[in-house]
Structures are given as structure tokens and as C-alpha cells.
Amino acid sequence: MRVLEAALRLVERVATTIAAVIMFAIMVIVGADVFMRYVFNSPFGWAYDLISLYLMAAVFFLVLSHTYVVGGHVSVDILQQKLPAKPFRVTEIVTTGVSFVVFVLIAWAGWHRMVDAFQQGDVLAGAIPWPTWPALALVPFGSGLLALRLAIDFVGHLGSLITGRDLIPVRRHVQHGQESFE
């Protein structure tokens, strides 16, 4: 289990680094496109399609699992945060179990959609016929990573509940001073 956890953490770290590089590339491309548009009246014809089809999808799906690990996803846990450790783990088992099923289904459907687009040679209509399958491949990759992370957390919380030992830490979300319930 620890080997799988370490491997997944490495993949998440690499994916997050790639997403950061892609965000920088988006900034450079947009800046250069704006410069070309207003200085030379000749914007890049490919920038919008590249950013909207590939790069933004990559940023989103590459950090999906890491965002879960650091507690960055939207979470309605007002009551859960007040629970003692055992009932808290029960709620985590339920939420990670349900979420696992959902993200496995998303990954499965995304995989089939990506394979279909690849086999049919789907392209984006426009000046450049961008193939759609690379962007679609991000869906099963990101969702699959998150499903693996959820499975590890599910097993860890279940094992912790059964054995009474902390096999996985209880991650309680910290409320920041900026957050408000108003």
C-alpha cells in the first residue's frame, strides 16, 4: 500500500509540475498574442484553439488528484468537522466510496470517448484541424488518478476504523480567516 501511495504521490507531483508549466505557457501565449494583435495587427490564429482545447483542460485534469490531497476542492463539511475521529472516518468512508464510483465512471466513459475520437480521427473545425483525442485523454487520466487516490483513502480510513490505528491521517479542513458563511 505504501509503494502505491508513493508512486501515486510521484505521479501527482509530476502532473502538478506539468500543469504549472502549462499555466506559464498560457500566460506567454496570451501575452504574445495580445502584443501581435495590437502592435502588428496580426494575432495568432491558433492561440485560442490551443488554449481552450488542450491547455486549459490539461491544467484542470492534471491537478484534480493533488487538489483533493491538499483539501482544495469545494467541501460542505460544517457538521463533519465537529465529529470525533471514528464518526469522521465513517463519513470519509462513505464520501470516498461514492466519489470513487463516480470518478471511475467518468474515467471509463472518458476513455471510451477518447478511443472513439482517436479511431474516427475527430478534429476541431477551424483553420487548424486540431485532433480532439489528446484533450479527451486528459479526462480518463485525471479522473483515474483521483479515483486511485480515493481508493487509497477509502482503504486507509476503513482499515483505520477496523484496527483502531491511524493508517491514514484524518485530514480536517482548516477554515481560513477569509471564509465566511454569510
Protein backbone atom coordinates (compact mmCIF):
# COMPACT_ATOMS: atom_id res chain seq x y z
CA MET A 1 0.00 0.00 0.00
CA ARG A 2 2.85 2.39 0.84
CA VAL A 3 4.50 1.69 -2.53
CA LEU A 4 1.27 2.53 -4.36
CA GLU A 5 0.88 5.68 -2.25
CA ALA A 6 4.46 6.76 -3.02
CA ALA A 7 4.04 6.07 -6.74
CA LEU A 8 0.76 7.97 -6.85
CA ARG A 9 2.28 10.90 -4.97
CA LEU A 10 5.14 10.99 -7.52
CA VAL A 11 2.71 10.95 -10.46
CA GLU A 12 0.64 13.71 -8.81
CA ARG A 13 3.77 15.80 -8.27
CA VAL A 14 4.86 15.37 -11.90
CA ALA A 15 1.33 16.15 -13.18
CA THR A 16 1.13 19.26 -10.99
CA THR A 17 4.53 20.45 -12.25
CA ILE A 18 3.42 19.94 -15.85
CA ALA A 19 0.22 21.89 -15.09
CA ALA A 20 2.29 24.77 -13.67
CA VAL A 21 4.46 24.83 -16.80
CA ILE A 22 1.31 24.81 -18.95
CA MET A 23 -0.12 27.75 -16.96
CA PHE A 24 3.09 29.66 -17.65
CA ALA A 25 2.83 28.75 -21.34
CA ILE A 26 -0.77 30.03 -21.42
CA MET A 27 0.42 33.33 -19.95
CA VAL A 28 3.21 33.65 -22.52
CA ILE A 29 0.96 32.72 -25.45
CA VAL A 30 -1.80 35.14 -24.40
CA GLY A 31 0.74 37.93 -23.82
CA ALA A 32 2.39 37.32 -27.19
CA ASP A 33 -1.00 37.10 -28.92
CA VAL A 34 -2.11 40.42 -27.42
CA PHE A 35 1.20 42.00 -28.44
CA MET A 36 0.89 40.68 -32.00
CA ARG A 37 -2.74 41.82 -32.20
CA TYR A 38 -2.23 45.41 -31.04
CA VAL A 39 1.28 46.13 -32.30
CA PHE A 40 1.33 44.30 -35.65
CA ASN A 41 -2.43 43.77 -36.18
CA SER A 42 -1.63 40.08 -36.73
CA PRO A 43 -2.83 37.87 -33.85
CA PHE A 44 -2.03 34.19 -33.67
CA GLY A 45 -4.82 32.24 -35.36
CA TRP A 46 -4.05 29.13 -33.35
CA ALA A 47 -3.78 30.55 -29.82
CA TYR A 48 -7.44 30.43 -28.80
CA ASP A 49 -7.96 26.85 -30.01
CA LEU A 50 -4.75 25.58 -28.43
CA ILE A 51 -5.50 27.18 -25.08
CA SER A 52 -9.19 26.32 -24.92
CA LEU A 53 -8.97 22.78 -26.31
CA TYR A 54 -5.73 21.47 -24.82
CA LEU A 55 -4.05 23.69 -22.29
CA MET A 56 -6.95 24.64 -20.01
CA ALA A 57 -8.19 21.05 -19.96
CA ALA A 58 -4.68 19.89 -19.09
CA VAL A 59 -4.38 22.33 -16.20
CA PHE A 60 -7.74 21.21 -14.79
CA PHE A 61 -7.35 17.45 -15.09
CA LEU A 62 -3.65 17.26 -14.20
CA VAL A 63 -4.20 18.83 -10.77
CA LEU A 64 -7.50 17.13 -9.92
CA SER A 65 -5.99 14.49 -7.61
CA HIS A 66 -3.43 16.80 -5.99
CA THR A 67 -6.15 19.33 -5.25
CA TYR A 68 -8.06 16.61 -3.39
CA VAL A 69 -4.96 15.71 -1.35
CA VAL A 70 -4.43 19.30 -0.19
CA GLY A 71 -8.14 19.82 0.55
CA GLY A 72 -8.64 22.33 -2.25
CA HIS A 73 -11.93 21.07 -3.62
CA VAL A 74 -15.21 22.64 -2.55
CA SER A 75 -16.39 20.85 0.55
CA VAL A 76 -19.55 21.22 2.61
CA ASP A 77 -18.30 19.81 5.88
CA ILE A 78 -19.70 22.08 8.57
CA LEU A 79 -21.02 19.19 10.69
CA GLN A 80 -18.31 16.71 9.75
CA GLN A 81 -15.53 18.88 11.16
CA LYS A 82 -17.11 18.75 14.63
CA LEU A 83 -17.22 14.93 14.73
CA PRO A 84 -14.81 12.79 16.77
CA ALA A 85 -12.30 10.66 14.83
CA LYS A 86 -14.36 7.45 14.41
CA PRO A 87 -17.59 9.03 13.10
CA PHE A 88 -15.43 11.34 10.97
CA ARG A 89 -13.80 8.27 9.41
CA VAL A 90 -17.23 6.76 8.71
CA THR A 91 -18.23 9.89 6.80
CA GLU A 92 -14.92 9.76 4.92
CA ILE A 93 -15.53 6.10 4.02
CA VAL A 94 -18.95 6.99 2.60
CA THR A 95 -17.77 10.06 0.68
CA THR A 96 -14.61 8.46 -0.70
CA GLY A 97 -16.55 5.32 -1.67
CA VAL A 98 -19.27 7.23 -3.52
CA SER A 99 -16.73 9.60 -5.10
CA PHE A 100 -14.60 6.65 -6.20
CA VAL A 101 -17.53 5.12 -8.07
CA VAL A 102 -18.35 8.46 -9.73
CA PHE A 103 -14.78 9.11 -10.88
CA VAL A 104 -14.28 5.54 -12.10
CA LEU A 105 -17.39 6.01 -14.24
CA ILE A 106 -16.10 9.35 -15.52
CA ALA A 107 -12.71 7.80 -16.34
CA TRP A 108 -14.35 4.81 -18.04
CA ALA A 109 -16.68 6.98 -20.15
CA GLY A 110 -13.84 9.38 -20.92
CA TRP A 111 -11.60 6.52 -22.03
CA HIS A 112 -14.25 5.19 -24.42
CA ARG A 113 -14.93 8.69 -25.78
CA MET A 114 -11.20 9.27 -26.32
CA VAL A 115 -10.71 5.92 -28.09
CA ASP A 116 -13.73 6.62 -30.29
CA ALA A 117 -12.39 10.08 -31.22
CA PHE A 118 -8.96 8.59 -31.98
CA GLN A 119 -10.36 5.80 -34.16
CA GLN A 120 -12.63 8.14 -36.09
CA GLY A 121 -9.97 10.81 -36.50
CA ASP A 122 -12.09 13.55 -34.89
CA VAL A 123 -10.71 17.03 -35.42
CA LEU A 124 -11.78 20.51 -34.37
CA ALA A 125 -13.23 22.51 -37.25
CA GLY A 126 -11.19 25.61 -37.87
CA ALA A 127 -8.05 26.96 -39.51
CA ILE A 128 -6.01 24.17 -37.93
CA PRO A 129 -7.67 20.74 -37.75
CA TRP A 130 -6.69 20.01 -34.13
CA PRO A 131 -7.29 16.35 -33.19
CA THR A 132 -9.65 16.09 -30.23
CA TRP A 133 -8.40 12.83 -28.73
CA PRO A 134 -5.38 14.31 -26.85
CA ALA A 135 -7.67 16.67 -24.95
CA LEU A 136 -10.15 13.87 -24.34
CA ALA A 137 -7.33 11.67 -22.98
CA LEU A 138 -6.95 14.11 -20.09
CA VAL A 139 -10.37 13.11 -18.73
CA PRO A 140 -9.59 9.44 -18.00
CA PHE A 141 -6.07 10.34 -16.86
CA GLY A 142 -7.12 12.96 -14.30
CA SER A 143 -10.25 11.12 -13.20
CA GLY A 144 -8.33 7.86 -12.95
CA LEU A 145 -5.66 9.47 -10.76
CA LEU A 146 -8.32 10.88 -8.48
CA ALA A 147 -10.11 7.51 -8.37
CA LEU A 148 -6.84 5.84 -7.28
CA ARG A 149 -6.36 8.47 -4.60
CA LEU A 150 -9.93 7.98 -3.39
CA ALA A 151 -9.45 4.19 -3.31
CA ILE A 152 -6.32 4.57 -1.18
CA ASP A 153 -8.13 6.91 1.19
CA PHE A 154 -11.15 4.58 1.34
CA VAL A 155 -8.99 1.59 2.25
CA GLY A 156 -6.95 3.67 4.69
CA HIS A 157 -9.99 5.04 6.53
CA LEU A 158 -11.67 1.63 6.58
CA GLY A 159 -8.50 -0.04 7.88
CA SER A 160 -8.06 2.71 10.49
CA LEU A 161 -11.63 2.27 11.65
CA ILE A 162 -11.31 -1.53 11.88
CA THR A 163 -7.87 -1.68 13.51
CA GLY A 164 -8.08 1.44 15.65
CA ARG A 165 -4.67 2.55 14.33
CA ASP A 166 -4.17 5.66 12.22
CA LEU A 167 -3.27 4.04 8.89
CA ILE A 168 -4.14 7.27 7.12
CA PRO A 169 -4.24 10.70 8.73
CA VAL A 170 -7.55 12.36 9.38
CA ARG A 171 -7.50 15.43 7.12
CA ARG A 172 -9.63 18.09 8.68
CA HIS A 173 -10.03 21.17 6.54
CA VAL A 174 -8.75 24.34 8.13
CA GLN A 175 -11.03 27.33 7.84
CA HIS A 176 -9.12 30.39 6.72
CA GLY A 177 -9.89 33.83 8.07
CA GLN A 178 -11.23 34.94 4.68
CA GLU A 179 -14.01 32.34 4.56
CA SER A 180 -17.47 33.26 5.68
CA PHE A 181 -20.85 31.56 5.94
CA GLU A 182 -22.78 34.76 5.30
